[in-house]
């Protein structure tokens, strides 16, 4: 979490989600493409009333990015190409 940015959830809830949430969400989404026939899962997006969250795998870990507002999907599209560079 960036300093000075207020979360909609408390730190304990954020930590609990990051421990298991990405594993469940990506695991369920990957089941939609048995044998990777549709290709490897790239990311999962959850859109809530106040914020949207994109979860993607980054090496052996998961990265969650949240964006407020109606333009969240446009923001995610802009940063998708930059995420793989974070592992280098």
Protein backbone atom coordinates (compact mmCIF):
# COMPACT_ATOMS: atom_id res chain seq x y z
CA UNK A 1 0.00 0.00 0.00
CA UNK A 2 1.31 3.40 -0.91
CA UNK A 3 1.90 5.83 1.97
CA UNK A 4 -0.93 8.34 2.36
CA UNK A 5 -3.46 6.25 0.42
CA UNK A 6 -6.41 5.22 2.57
CA UNK A 7 -7.64 1.66 2.06
CA UNK A 8 -11.30 0.64 2.00
CA UNK A 9 -10.29 -2.32 4.19
CA UNK A 10 -8.04 -2.56 7.22
CA UNK A 11 -4.50 -3.94 7.04
CA UNK A 12 -5.46 -7.29 8.61
CA UNK A 13 -8.16 -7.87 5.96
CA UNK A 14 -5.75 -6.89 3.18
CA UNK A 15 -3.12 -9.29 4.49
CA UNK A 16 -5.62 -12.13 4.88
CA UNK A 17 -6.84 -11.60 1.31
CA UNK A 18 -3.32 -11.54 -0.15
CA UNK A 19 -2.47 -14.81 1.59
CA UNK A 20 -5.21 -16.84 -0.12
CA UNK A 21 -7.42 -14.65 -2.33
CA UNK A 22 -5.21 -14.60 -5.45
CA UNK A 23 -4.65 -18.36 -5.26
CA UNK A 24 -8.41 -19.03 -5.16
CA UNK A 25 -9.35 -16.49 -7.82
CA UNK A 26 -6.66 -17.47 -10.30
CA UNK A 27 -7.21 -21.17 -9.62
CA UNK A 28 -10.92 -20.90 -10.34
CA UNK A 29 -10.31 -18.83 -13.48
CA UNK A 30 -7.71 -21.32 -14.75
CA UNK A 31 -10.35 -24.09 -14.52
CA UNK A 32 -12.26 -22.26 -17.27
CA UNK A 33 -9.53 -23.33 -19.69
CA UNK A 34 -8.80 -27.02 -19.05
CA UNK A 35 -5.42 -27.99 -20.44
CA UNK A 36 -4.73 -24.30 -21.19
CA UNK A 37 -6.70 -24.62 -24.45
CA UNK A 38 -7.56 -20.91 -24.25
CA UNK A 39 -3.97 -20.10 -23.25
CA UNK A 40 -2.34 -19.29 -19.93
CA UNK A 41 -4.29 -17.12 -17.50
CA UNK A 42 -2.88 -13.60 -17.60
CA UNK A 43 -4.94 -11.75 -14.99
CA UNK A 44 -8.22 -11.61 -13.07
CA UNK A 45 -10.18 -8.38 -12.57
CA UNK A 46 -12.83 -7.88 -9.89
CA UNK A 47 -14.93 -4.72 -10.19
CA UNK A 48 -16.58 -3.47 -7.02
CA UNK A 49 -18.80 -0.46 -6.48
CA UNK A 50 -15.96 1.73 -5.17
CA UNK A 51 -12.83 0.13 -6.59
CA UNK A 52 -11.54 -2.49 -9.00
CA UNK A 53 -8.74 -4.98 -8.35
CA UNK A 54 -6.53 -6.71 -10.90
CA UNK A 55 -4.59 -9.79 -9.82
CA UNK A 56 -1.77 -11.25 -11.90
CA UNK A 57 1.10 -13.61 -11.30
CA UNK A 58 4.52 -12.03 -10.93
CA UNK A 59 7.15 -14.76 -10.81
CA UNK A 60 6.20 -17.10 -7.98
CA UNK A 61 4.06 -14.43 -6.28
CA UNK A 62 0.85 -12.57 -7.06
CA UNK A 63 0.49 -8.85 -7.60
CA UNK A 64 -2.77 -7.07 -6.76
CA UNK A 65 -3.38 -3.57 -8.10
CA UNK A 66 -6.45 -1.60 -7.08
CA UNK A 67 -7.83 1.43 -8.88
CA UNK A 68 -10.72 3.67 -7.89
CA UNK A 69 -13.18 5.09 -10.38
CA UNK A 70 -14.90 4.22 -13.60
CA UNK A 71 -11.70 4.27 -15.65
CA UNK A 72 -10.09 1.33 -13.80
CA UNK A 73 -10.16 -0.98 -16.81
CA UNK A 74 -8.40 1.63 -18.96
CA UNK A 75 -5.74 2.03 -16.25
CA UNK A 76 -5.24 -1.74 -16.07
CA UNK A 77 -4.83 -1.92 -19.86
CA UNK A 78 -2.16 0.79 -19.73
CA UNK A 79 -0.09 -0.95 -17.04
CA UNK A 80 -0.40 -4.56 -18.25
CA UNK A 81 2.62 -4.28 -20.54
CA UNK A 82 4.73 -2.80 -17.75
CA UNK A 83 4.08 -5.53 -15.16
CA UNK A 84 6.40 -8.19 -16.68
CA UNK A 85 9.27 -5.69 -16.49
CA UNK A 86 8.97 -5.67 -12.68
CA UNK A 87 10.60 -9.13 -12.50
CA UNK A 88 13.74 -8.07 -14.34
